[in-house]
Amino acid sequence: MPRNRVTARRAAVVVAGLVLLTGCGGDDDGPPTAASESPSTDPTPGPTLEPTQEPTSAPTSAAPAETGPAGDAGLAALDPCAMVDAAGAGSLGLTGGEAETLGEARVCRYRFEGPTLNESFTVSVELFETYGPADIVATDVQALAPIGDHEAVTFTGTTGGCVVSLGVSETSRLDATAVGGDPALACEHATQLAALAEPALP
């Protein structure tokens, strides 16, 4: 084949390839850039999405603890160690006056030192705010003459001493106790202590 014909055919192929490449490009000016991307024409910003929050439940109150009988408000305000002042305690020969709690009772404990062990006693004022005269557990409860404005009974305490009890209400009372020594003398000391503390009762 003549050399000039081969050269002409190669030139035609090159031209055809260039035409095809130009046609495929079309109007494409290259990949879009950040500058070429047109911004949104809507100036109104979209709604702001708030982060999802768990619904807050209303606080619940804890169930009230079970309680015993309602206490006597007047008796609850009393300090058993303040019911007998120093002069009164001295008149009965009492020393000490230590506050403590024994079971359901708030107690003030004193000591009477007699000439002998049989004449010495531990005596106490005991306030029961939720237990009245009907709640006494004893087999020898005996009525006494009222002491001041309060009905009185006597009985043997769980520790073997003498107790003089003054009813304050159906659900509260004061016990004056004397433990140790002669039982008859113990009841005398308990009665004297009850009479000394009674004016402070409601």
C-alpha atoms as a PDB file:
ATOM      1  CA  MET A   1       0.000   0.000   0.000  1.00  0.00           C
ATOM      2  CA  PRO A   2       1.342   3.512  -0.783  1.00  0.00           C
ATOM      3  CA  ARG A   3       2.829   5.337   2.201  1.00  0.00           C
ATOM      4  CA  ASN A   4       0.686   8.489   1.719  1.00  0.00           C
ATOM      5  CA  ARG A   5      -2.544   6.442   1.917  1.00  0.00           C
ATOM      6  CA  VAL A   6      -1.527   4.853   5.250  1.00  0.00           C
ATOM      7  CA  THR A   7      -0.689   8.239   6.684  1.00  0.00           C
ATOM      8  CA  ALA A   8      -4.038   9.668   5.572  1.00  0.00           C
ATOM      9  CA  ARG A   9      -5.932   6.739   7.171  1.00  0.00           C
ATOM     10  CA  ARG A  10      -4.102   7.241  10.547  1.00  0.00           C
ATOM     11  CA  ALA A  11      -4.900  10.922  10.489  1.00  0.00           C
ATOM     12  CA  ALA A  12      -8.592  10.145   9.917  1.00  0.00           C
ATOM     13  CA  VAL A  13      -8.638   7.755  12.891  1.00  0.00           C
ATOM     14  CA  VAL A  14      -7.043  10.374  15.161  1.00  0.00           C
ATOM     15  CA  VAL A  15      -9.543  13.029  14.047  1.00  0.00           C
ATOM     16  CA  ALA A  16     -12.454  10.670  14.629  1.00  0.00           C
ATOM     17  CA  GLY A  17     -11.191   9.874  18.155  1.00  0.00           C
ATOM     18  CA  LEU A  18     -10.907  13.547  18.979  1.00  0.00           C
ATOM     19  CA  VAL A  19     -14.461  14.162  17.760  1.00  0.00           C
ATOM     20  CA  LEU A  20     -15.754  11.322  19.961  1.00  0.00           C
ATOM     21  CA  LEU A  21     -13.910  12.611  23.010  1.00  0.00           C
ATOM     22  CA  THR A  22     -15.272  16.116  22.469  1.00  0.00           C
ATOM     23  CA  GLY A  23     -18.793  14.780  22.092  1.00  0.00           C
ATOM     24  CA  CYS A  24     -18.633  12.688  25.266  1.00  0.00           C
ATOM     25  CA  GLY A  25     -17.483  15.690  27.291  1.00  0.00           C
ATOM     26  CA  GLY A  26     -20.587  17.661  26.289  1.00  0.00           C
ATOM     27  CA  ASP A  27     -21.157  20.598  28.555  1.00  0.00           C
ATOM     28  CA  ASP A  28     -19.269  18.932  31.432  1.00  0.00           C
ATOM     29  CA  ASP A  29     -16.646  21.370  32.677  1.00  0.00           C
ATOM     30  CA  GLY A  30     -15.154  18.902  35.125  1.00  0.00           C
ATOM     31  CA  PRO A  31     -16.201  17.667  38.512  1.00  0.00           C
ATOM     32  CA  PRO A  32     -18.191  20.138  40.619  1.00  0.00           C
ATOM     33  CA  THR A  33     -16.322  21.998  43.283  1.00  0.00           C
ATOM     34  CA  ALA A  34     -17.555  23.510  46.515  1.00  0.00           C
ATOM     35  CA  ALA A  35     -17.526  26.930  44.858  1.00  0.00           C
ATOM     36  CA  SER A  36     -19.563  25.734  41.892  1.00  0.00           C
ATOM     37  CA  GLU A  37     -22.345  24.158  43.962  1.00  0.00           C
ATOM     38  CA  SER A  38     -25.211  26.614  44.146  1.00  0.00           C
ATOM     39  CA  PRO A  39     -26.521  27.312  47.667  1.00  0.00           C
ATOM     40  CA  SER A  40     -30.153  26.733  48.564  1.00  0.00           C
ATOM     41  CA  THR A  41     -32.385  29.576  47.454  1.00  0.00           C
ATOM     42  CA  ASP A  42     -34.666  29.153  50.490  1.00  0.00           C
ATOM     43  CA  PRO A  43     -33.376  31.563  53.189  1.00  0.00           C
ATOM     44  CA  THR A  44     -35.671  30.122  55.863  1.00  0.00           C
ATOM     45  CA  PRO A  45     -33.740  27.736  58.086  1.00  0.00           C
ATOM     46  CA  GLY A  46     -35.316  24.377  58.716  1.00  0.00           C
ATOM     47  CA  PRO A  47     -36.711  23.413  62.077  1.00  0.00           C
ATOM     48  CA  THR A  48     -34.170  22.726  64.789  1.00  0.00           C
ATOM     49  CA  LEU A  49     -34.477  19.205  66.131  1.00  0.00           C
ATOM     50  CA  GLU A  50     -34.240  19.048  69.893  1.00  0.00           C
ATOM     51  CA  PRO A  51     -32.515  16.005  71.367  1.00  0.00           C
ATOM     52  CA  THR A  52     -34.997  13.393  72.456  1.00  0.00           C
ATOM     53  CA  GLN A  53     -35.515  13.423  76.198  1.00  0.00           C
ATOM     54  CA  GLU A  54     -37.017  10.710  78.319  1.00  0.00           C
ATOM     55  CA  PRO A  55     -40.290  11.807  79.934  1.00  0.00           C
ATOM     56  CA  THR A  56     -39.797  12.834  83.497  1.00  0.00           C
ATOM     57  CA  SER A  57     -42.021  10.898  85.838  1.00  0.00           C
ATOM     58  CA  ALA A  58     -43.536  12.618  88.820  1.00  0.00           C
ATOM     59  CA  PRO A  59     -41.708  11.892  92.078  1.00  0.00           C
ATOM     60  CA  THR A  60     -43.346   9.235  94.129  1.00  0.00           C
ATOM     61  CA  SER A  61     -43.538   9.311  97.884  1.00  0.00           C
ATOM     62  CA  ALA A  62     -42.190   6.384  99.805  1.00  0.00           C
ATOM     63  CA  ALA A  63     -44.818   4.369 101.588  1.00  0.00           C
ATOM     64  CA  PRO A  64     -45.054   5.484 105.215  1.00  0.00           C
ATOM     65  CA  ALA A  65     -43.452   3.112 107.633  1.00  0.00           C
ATOM     66  CA  GLU A  66     -45.803   1.217 109.837  1.00  0.00           C
ATOM     67  CA  THR A  67     -46.006   2.752 113.272  1.00  0.00           C
ATOM     68  CA  GLY A  68     -47.564   1.809 116.549  1.00  0.00           C
ATOM     69  CA  PRO A  69     -50.331   3.683 118.318  1.00  0.00           C
ATOM     70  CA  ALA A  70     -50.271   7.447 118.105  1.00  0.00           C
ATOM     71  CA  GLY A  71     -48.224   8.843 120.949  1.00  0.00           C
ATOM     72  CA  ASP A  72     -49.412  11.277 123.594  1.00  0.00           C
ATOM     73  CA  ALA A  73     -48.173  14.648 122.362  1.00  0.00           C
ATOM     74  CA  GLY A  74     -48.158  16.167 125.851  1.00  0.00           C
ATOM     75  CA  LEU A  75     -46.198  13.298 127.330  1.00  0.00           C
ATOM     76  CA  ALA A  76     -43.760  13.243 124.410  1.00  0.00           C
ATOM     77  CA  ALA A  77     -42.777  16.830 125.203  1.00  0.00           C
ATOM     78  CA  LEU A  78     -41.706  15.937 128.745  1.00  0.00           C
ATOM     79  CA  ASP A  79     -38.167  15.156 129.836  1.00  0.00           C
ATOM     80  CA  PRO A  80     -38.370  12.477 132.539  1.00  0.00           C
ATOM     81  CA  CYS A  81     -35.278  13.875 134.235  1.00  0.00           C
ATOM     82  CA  ALA A  82     -36.811  17.363 134.390  1.00  0.00           C
ATOM     83  CA  MET A  83     -39.971  16.212 136.151  1.00  0.00           C
ATOM     84  CA  VAL A  84     -38.164  16.009 139.487  1.00  0.00           C
ATOM     85  CA  ASP A  85     -35.974  19.005 140.242  1.00  0.00           C
ATOM     86  CA  ALA A  86     -32.830  18.895 142.342  1.00  0.00           C
ATOM     87  CA  ALA A  87     -34.644  20.063 145.461  1.00  0.00           C
ATOM     88  CA  GLY A  88     -37.311  17.392 145.079  1.00  0.00           C
ATOM     89  CA  ALA A  89     -34.772  14.660 144.461  1.00  0.00           C
ATOM     90  CA  GLY A  90     -32.799  15.814 147.478  1.00  0.00           C
ATOM     91  CA  SER A  91     -35.906  15.691 149.664  1.00  0.00           C
ATOM     92  CA  LEU A  92     -36.239  12.000 148.830  1.00  0.00           C
ATOM     93  CA  GLY A  93     -32.544  11.328 149.292  1.00  0.00           C
ATOM     94  CA  LEU A  94     -32.066  10.560 145.603  1.00  0.00           C
ATOM     95  CA  THR A  95     -28.820  10.921 143.689  1.00  0.00           C
ATOM     96  CA  GLY A  96     -28.014  10.586 140.002  1.00  0.00           C
ATOM     97  CA  GLY A  97     -30.746  11.262 137.475  1.00  0.00           C
ATOM     98  CA  GLU A  98     -29.502   9.526 134.338  1.00  0.00           C
ATOM     99  CA  ALA A  99     -31.670   9.488 131.197  1.00  0.00           C
ATOM    100  CA  GLU A 100     -31.988   6.345 129.101  1.00  0.00           C
ATOM    101  CA  THR A 101     -34.460   4.441 126.956  1.00  0.00           C
ATOM    102  CA  LEU A 102     -35.731   1.027 127.989  1.00  0.00           C
ATOM    103  CA  GLY A 103     -37.955  -0.609 125.398  1.00  0.00           C
ATOM    104  CA  GLU A 104     -40.888   1.746 124.809  1.00  0.00           C
ATOM    105  CA  ALA A 105     -40.166   3.884 127.870  1.00  0.00           C
ATOM    106  CA  ARG A 106     -38.086   7.031 128.315  1.00  0.00           C
ATOM    107  CA  VAL A 107     -36.529   6.702 131.731  1.00  0.00           C
ATOM    108  CA  CYS A 108     -34.746   8.781 134.361  1.00  0.00           C
ATOM    109  CA  ARG A 109     -32.961   6.602 136.902  1.00  0.00           C
ATOM    110  CA  TYR A 110     -31.970   7.596 140.454  1.00  0.00           C
ATOM    111  CA  ARG A 111     -30.325   5.875 143.402  1.00  0.00           C
ATOM    112  CA  PHE A 112     -31.385   5.841 147.017  1.00  0.00           C
ATOM    113  CA  GLU A 113     -28.655   4.664 149.371  1.00  0.00           C
ATOM    114  CA  GLY A 114     -30.131   3.513 152.683  1.00  0.00           C
ATOM    115  CA  PRO A 115     -28.244   2.536 155.832  1.00  0.00           C
ATOM    116  CA  THR A 116     -28.362  -1.109 154.764  1.00  0.00           C
ATOM    117  CA  LEU A 117     -28.532  -2.953 151.448  1.00  0.00           C
ATOM    118  CA  ASN A 118     -32.099  -3.993 152.260  1.00  0.00           C
ATOM    119  CA  GLU A 119     -33.017  -0.331 152.515  1.00  0.00           C
ATOM    120  CA  SER A 120     -31.277   0.779 149.300  1.00  0.00           C
ATOM    121  CA  PHE A 121     -33.114   1.097 145.976  1.00  0.00           C
ATOM    122  CA  THR A 122     -32.810   2.090 142.371  1.00  0.00           C
ATOM    123  CA  VAL A 123     -35.821   4.257 141.560  1.00  0.00           C
ATOM    124  CA  SER A 124     -36.993   5.497 138.166  1.00  0.00           C
ATOM    125  CA  VAL A 125     -39.459   7.754 136.416  1.00  0.00           C
ATOM    126  CA  GLU A 126     -40.631   5.960 133.260  1.00  0.00           C
ATOM    127  CA  LEU A 127     -42.772   7.609 130.569  1.00  0.00           C
ATOM    128  CA  PHE A 128     -44.820   5.447 128.197  1.00  0.00           C
ATOM    129  CA  GLU A 129     -46.207   7.530 125.333  1.00  0.00           C
ATOM    130  CA  THR A 130     -48.084   4.734 123.551  1.00  0.00           C
ATOM    131  CA  TYR A 131     -49.101   2.374 126.375  1.00  0.00           C
ATOM    132  CA  GLY A 132     -51.779   3.209 128.893  1.00  0.00           C
ATOM    133  CA  PRO A 133     -53.041   1.611 132.139  1.00  0.00           C
ATOM    134  CA  ALA A 134     -54.934  -1.093 130.219  1.00  0.00           C
ATOM    135  CA  ASP A 135     -51.647  -2.233 128.664  1.00  0.00           C
ATOM    136  CA  ILE A 136     -50.035  -3.174 131.983  1.00  0.00           C
ATOM    137  CA  VAL A 137     -48.947  -6.812 131.956  1.00  0.00           C
ATOM    138  CA  ALA A 138     -49.072  -8.040 135.556  1.00  0.00           C
ATOM    139  CA  THR A 139     -51.199 -10.377 137.654  1.00  0.00           C
ATOM    140  CA  ASP A 140     -51.306  -8.302 140.821  1.00  0.00           C
ATOM    141  CA  VAL A 141     -52.543  -4.887 139.666  1.00  0.00           C
ATOM    142  CA  GLN A 142     -54.197  -3.079 142.601  1.00  0.00           C
ATOM    143  CA  ALA A 143     -55.947   0.281 142.587  1.00  0.00           C
ATOM    144  CA  LEU A 144     -54.586   3.063 144.779  1.00  0.00           C
ATOM    145  CA  ALA A 145     -56.071   6.383 145.797  1.00  0.00           C
ATOM    146  CA  PRO A 146     -55.597   8.968 143.037  1.00  0.00           C
ATOM    147  CA  ILE A 147     -52.299  10.835 143.150  1.00  0.00           C
ATOM    148  CA  GLY A 148     -52.970  14.449 142.299  1.00  0.00           C
ATOM    149  CA  ASP A 149     -55.283  14.505 139.274  1.00  0.00           C
ATOM    150  CA  HIS A 150     -54.353  11.047 138.036  1.00  0.00           C
ATOM    151  CA  GLU A 151     -55.681   7.567 138.725  1.00  0.00           C
ATOM    152  CA  ALA A 152     -53.047   5.282 140.252  1.00  0.00           C
ATOM    153  CA  VAL A 153     -52.422   1.547 140.451  1.00  0.00           C
ATOM    154  CA  THR A 154     -49.590  -0.534 141.822  1.00  0.00           C
ATOM    155  CA  PHE A 155     -48.144  -3.841 140.698  1.00  0.00           C
ATOM    156  CA  THR A 156     -44.954  -5.873 140.727  1.00  0.00           C
ATOM    157  CA  GLY A 157     -42.625  -5.006 137.871  1.00  0.00           C
ATOM    158  CA  THR A 158     -40.943  -7.464 135.547  1.00  0.00           C
ATOM    159  CA  THR A 159     -37.688  -7.044 137.510  1.00  0.00           C
ATOM    160  CA  GLY A 160     -39.422  -7.780 140.797  1.00  0.00           C
ATOM    161  CA  GLY A 161     -39.605  -4.221 142.099  1.00  0.00           C
ATOM    162  CA  CYS A 162     -42.643  -2.165 143.046  1.00  0.00           C
ATOM    163  CA  VAL A 163     -44.336   0.000 140.409  1.00  0.00           C
ATOM    164  CA  VAL A 164     -46.799   2.847 140.982  1.00  0.00           C
ATOM    165  CA  SER A 165     -48.430   3.753 137.683  1.00  0.00           C
ATOM    166  CA  LEU A 166     -50.323   6.961 136.889  1.00  0.00           C
ATOM    167  CA  GLY A 167     -52.689   6.938 133.922  1.00  0.00           C
ATOM    168  CA  VAL A 168     -52.261  10.007 131.716  1.00  0.00           C
ATOM    169  CA  SER A 169     -54.576   8.912 128.892  1.00  0.00           C
ATOM    170  CA  GLU A 170     -55.930   5.664 127.512  1.00  0.00           C
ATOM    171  CA  THR A 171     -52.688   5.229 125.611  1.00  0.00           C
ATOM    172  CA  SER A 172     -50.065   6.768 127.909  1.00  0.00           C
ATOM    173  CA  ARG A 173     -48.896   6.570 131.481  1.00  0.00           C
ATOM    174  CA  LEU A 174     -46.100   7.277 133.979  1.00  0.00           C
ATOM    175  CA  ASP A 175     -44.543   4.485 136.024  1.00  0.00           C
ATOM    176  CA  ALA A 176     -42.552   5.210 139.165  1.00  0.00           C
ATOM    177  CA  THR A 177     -40.479   2.167 140.066  1.00  0.00           C
ATOM    178  CA  ALA A 178     -38.319   1.096 142.989  1.00  0.00           C
ATOM    179  CA  VAL A 179     -36.178  -2.020 142.698  1.00  0.00           C
ATOM    180  CA  GLY A 180     -34.146  -3.712 145.432  1.00  0.00           C
ATOM    181  CA  GLY A 181     -34.394  -4.158 149.179  1.00  0.00           C
ATOM    182  CA  ASP A 182     -37.565  -4.675 151.153  1.00  0.00           C
ATOM    183  CA  PRO A 183     -40.727  -4.819 148.941  1.00  0.00           C
ATOM    184  CA  ALA A 184     -42.808  -2.704 151.361  1.00  0.00           C
ATOM    185  CA  LEU A 185     -40.139   0.003 151.465  1.00  0.00           C
ATOM    186  CA  ALA A 186     -39.823  -0.191 147.682  1.00  0.00           C
ATOM    187  CA  CYS A 187     -43.525   0.706 147.284  1.00  0.00           C
ATOM    188  CA  GLU A 188     -43.099   3.641 149.665  1.00  0.00           C
ATOM    189  CA  HIS A 189     -40.259   5.032 147.532  1.00  0.00           C
ATOM    190  CA  ALA A 190     -42.195   4.440 144.317  1.00  0.00           C
ATOM    191  CA  THR A 191     -45.271   6.220 145.686  1.00  0.00           C
ATOM    192  CA  GLN A 192     -43.221   9.199 146.871  1.00  0.00           C
ATOM    193  CA  LEU A 193     -41.510   9.490 143.491  1.00  0.00           C
ATOM    194  CA  ALA A 194     -44.839   9.290 141.636  1.00  0.00           C
ATOM    195  CA  ALA A 195     -46.278  12.048 143.824  1.00  0.00           C
ATOM    196  CA  LEU A 196     -43.228  14.245 143.186  1.00  0.00           C
ATOM    197  CA  ALA A 197     -43.419  13.805 139.384  1.00  0.00           C
ATOM    198  CA  GLU A 198     -47.214  13.986 139.015  1.00  0.00           C
ATOM    199  CA  PRO A 199     -47.634  17.792 138.890  1.00  0.00           C
ATOM    200  CA  ALA A 200     -45.595  17.871 135.656  1.00  0.00           C
ATOM    201  CA  LEU A 201     -48.020  15.535 133.867  1.00  0.00           C
ATOM    202  CA  PRO A 202     -50.606  16.863 131.401  1.00  0.00           C
END
